[in-house]
Amino acid sequence: MTTTNLIEKRKHIEQRKNRLKQMEATLNTQMRRQRTRRLIELGGLVSKAKLEDWNSNSLF
């Protein structure tokens, strides 16, 4: 193998690693947004049920 071929392969591997890191970051952002949305929806339901003034221990 020539050194240029090895350099190209290493470059390609680094590009794939970077692409994977970007995809993981995007996935984490999506998961965080979904969780936030779910918590907001649950808060709305608690408010509708007039449970917002209750002590959290009494809800359990």
N, C-alpha and C. Protein backbone atom coordinates (compact mmCIF):
# COMPACT_ATOMS: atom_id res chain seq x y z
N MET A 1 0.84 -1.19 0.00
CA MET A 1 0.00 0.00 0.00
C MET A 1 0.88 1.24 0.00
N THR A 2 0.41 2.20 -0.70
CA THR A 2 1.18 3.44 -0.72
C THR A 2 0.76 4.32 0.45
N THR A 3 1.60 5.26 0.76
CA THR A 3 1.29 6.15 1.89
C THR A 3 0.11 7.05 1.59
N THR A 4 -0.05 7.45 0.32
CA THR A 4 -1.19 8.31 -0.02
C THR A 4 -2.50 7.55 0.15
N ASN A 5 -2.49 6.28 -0.15
CA ASN A 5 -3.69 5.46 0.02
C ASN A 5 -4.05 5.36 1.50
N LEU A 6 -3.05 5.17 2.34
CA LEU A 6 -3.30 5.11 3.78
C LEU A 6 -3.81 6.44 4.31
N ILE A 7 -3.23 7.51 3.82
CA ILE A 7 -3.67 8.85 4.26
C ILE A 7 -5.12 9.08 3.86
N GLU A 8 -5.47 8.68 2.65
CA GLU A 8 -6.85 8.84 2.18
C GLU A 8 -7.82 8.01 3.02
N LYS A 9 -7.42 6.80 3.35
CA LYS A 9 -8.28 5.94 4.17
C LYS A 9 -8.47 6.53 5.57
N ARG A 10 -7.40 7.06 6.15
CA ARG A 10 -7.51 7.69 7.48
C ARG A 10 -8.41 8.92 7.41
N LYS A 11 -8.27 9.67 6.35
CA LYS A 11 -9.10 10.86 6.18
C LYS A 11 -10.57 10.45 6.07
N HIS A 12 -10.82 9.40 5.32
CA HIS A 12 -12.19 8.91 5.16
C HIS A 12 -12.75 8.43 6.51
N ILE A 13 -11.95 7.75 7.28
CA ILE A 13 -12.38 7.28 8.61
C ILE A 13 -12.69 8.46 9.52
N GLU A 14 -11.86 9.48 9.50
CA GLU A 14 -12.10 10.67 10.31
C GLU A 14 -13.39 11.36 9.89
N GLN A 15 -13.65 11.42 8.59
CA GLN A 15 -14.89 12.02 8.11
C GLN A 15 -16.10 11.25 8.61
N ARG A 16 -16.01 9.93 8.58
CA ARG A 16 -17.13 9.11 9.06
C ARG A 16 -17.34 9.29 10.55
N LYS A 17 -16.25 9.39 11.31
CA LYS A 17 -16.36 9.62 12.76
C LYS A 17 -17.04 10.95 13.03
N ASN A 18 -16.64 11.98 12.28
CA ASN A 18 -17.25 13.30 12.47
C ASN A 18 -18.73 13.28 12.10
N ARG A 19 -19.06 12.56 11.04
CA ARG A 19 -20.46 12.45 10.63
C ARG A 19 -21.28 11.75 11.72
N LEU A 20 -20.70 10.73 12.32
CA LEU A 20 -21.37 10.01 13.41
C LEU A 20 -21.58 10.93 14.61
N LYS A 21 -20.58 11.73 14.95
CA LYS A 21 -20.72 12.67 16.06
C LYS A 21 -21.84 13.67 15.79
N GLN A 22 -21.94 14.14 14.55
CA GLN A 22 -23.00 15.08 14.20
C GLN A 22 -24.37 14.42 14.32
N MET A 23 -24.47 13.19 13.87
CA MET A 23 -25.74 12.47 13.95
C MET A 23 -26.14 12.24 15.40
N GLU A 24 -25.18 11.90 16.25
CA GLU A 24 -25.47 11.71 17.67
C GLU A 24 -25.93 13.00 18.32
N ALA A 25 -25.30 14.11 17.95
CA ALA A 25 -25.70 15.41 18.51
C ALA A 25 -27.11 15.76 18.07
N THR A 26 -27.45 15.49 16.82
CA THR A 26 -28.79 15.76 16.32
C THR A 26 -29.81 14.89 17.05
N LEU A 27 -29.49 13.64 17.25
CA LEU A 27 -30.39 12.74 17.95
C LEU A 27 -30.60 13.19 19.39
N ASN A 28 -29.54 13.59 20.07
CA ASN A 28 -29.67 14.08 21.44
C ASN A 28 -30.55 15.32 21.51
N THR A 29 -30.41 16.21 20.53
CA THR A 29 -31.23 17.41 20.49
C THR A 29 -32.70 17.04 20.29
N GLN A 30 -32.97 16.11 19.40
CA GLN A 30 -34.35 15.68 19.15
C GLN A 30 -34.95 15.04 20.39
N MET A 31 -34.17 14.21 21.07
CA MET A 31 -34.67 13.55 22.28
C MET A 31 -34.96 14.57 23.37
N ARG A 32 -34.09 15.57 23.51
CA ARG A 32 -34.29 16.61 24.51
C ARG A 32 -35.56 17.41 24.21
N ARG A 33 -35.79 17.73 22.94
CA ARG A 33 -36.99 18.47 22.55
C ARG A 33 -38.25 17.66 22.81
N GLN A 34 -38.21 16.36 22.51
CA GLN A 34 -39.36 15.50 22.77
C GLN A 34 -39.68 15.44 24.25
N ARG A 35 -38.65 15.33 25.07
CA ARG A 35 -38.84 15.26 26.53
C ARG A 35 -39.43 16.57 27.04
N THR A 36 -38.91 17.68 26.55
CA THR A 36 -39.41 18.99 26.96
C THR A 36 -40.88 19.14 26.57
N ARG A 37 -41.21 18.75 25.35
CA ARG A 37 -42.60 18.84 24.89
C ARG A 37 -43.51 17.99 25.77
N ARG A 38 -43.07 16.80 26.08
CA ARG A 38 -43.86 15.88 26.92
C ARG A 38 -44.07 16.48 28.31
N LEU A 39 -43.04 17.06 28.89
CA LEU A 39 -43.17 17.66 30.22
C LEU A 39 -44.13 18.85 30.19
N ILE A 40 -44.09 19.63 29.12
CA ILE A 40 -45.01 20.76 28.99
C ILE A 40 -46.44 20.26 28.87
N GLU A 41 -46.65 19.20 28.08
CA GLU A 41 -47.99 18.63 27.94
C GLU A 41 -48.50 18.11 29.28
N LEU A 42 -47.64 17.42 30.02
CA LEU A 42 -48.05 16.91 31.33
C LEU A 42 -48.38 18.05 32.29
N GLY A 43 -47.61 19.12 32.22
CA GLY A 43 -47.90 20.28 33.05
C GLY A 43 -49.26 20.87 32.72
N GLY A 44 -49.61 20.89 31.46
CA GLY A 44 -50.93 21.37 31.05
C GLY A 44 -52.04 20.49 31.59
N LEU A 45 -51.82 19.20 31.57
CA LEU A 45 -52.83 18.28 32.10
C LEU A 45 -53.00 18.45 33.60
N VAL A 46 -51.90 18.64 34.30
CA VAL A 46 -51.96 18.87 35.75
C VAL A 46 -52.73 20.15 36.03
N SER A 47 -52.48 21.16 35.23
CA SER A 47 -53.18 22.43 35.40
C SER A 47 -54.68 22.27 35.13
N LYS A 48 -55.03 21.54 34.09
CA LYS A 48 -56.44 21.32 33.77
C LYS A 48 -57.15 20.56 34.88
N ALA A 49 -56.46 19.64 35.49
CA ALA A 49 -57.05 18.83 36.55
C ALA A 49 -57.06 19.56 37.89
N LYS A 50 -56.59 20.80 37.89
CA LYS A 50 -56.56 21.64 39.10
C LYS A 50 -55.71 21.00 40.20
N LEU A 51 -54.63 20.37 39.81
CA LEU A 51 -53.74 19.71 40.77
C LEU A 51 -52.47 20.51 41.02
N GLU A 52 -52.36 21.67 40.42
CA GLU A 52 -51.11 22.42 40.51
C GLU A 52 -50.81 22.95 41.91
N ASP A 53 -51.84 23.14 42.74
CA ASP A 53 -51.62 23.65 44.08
C ASP A 53 -51.43 22.55 45.12
N TRP A 54 -51.56 21.32 44.70
CA TRP A 54 -51.40 20.20 45.62
C TRP A 54 -49.93 19.99 45.94
N ASN A 55 -49.69 19.46 47.11
CA ASN A 55 -48.34 19.07 47.50
C ASN A 55 -47.95 17.84 46.68
N SER A 56 -46.73 17.79 46.21
CA SER A 56 -46.32 16.68 45.35
C SER A 56 -46.39 15.34 46.07
N ASN A 57 -46.16 15.33 47.38
CA ASN A 57 -46.25 14.08 48.14
C ASN A 57 -47.68 13.58 48.24
N SER A 58 -48.64 14.47 48.26
CA SER A 58 -50.03 14.04 48.36
C SER A 58 -50.53 13.46 47.04
N LEU A 59 -49.85 13.77 45.95
CA LEU A 59 -50.24 13.22 44.65
C LEU A 59 -49.83 11.75 44.52
N PHE A 60 -48.80 11.37 45.25
CA PHE A 60 -48.35 9.99 45.19
C PHE A 60 -49.24 9.16 46.07
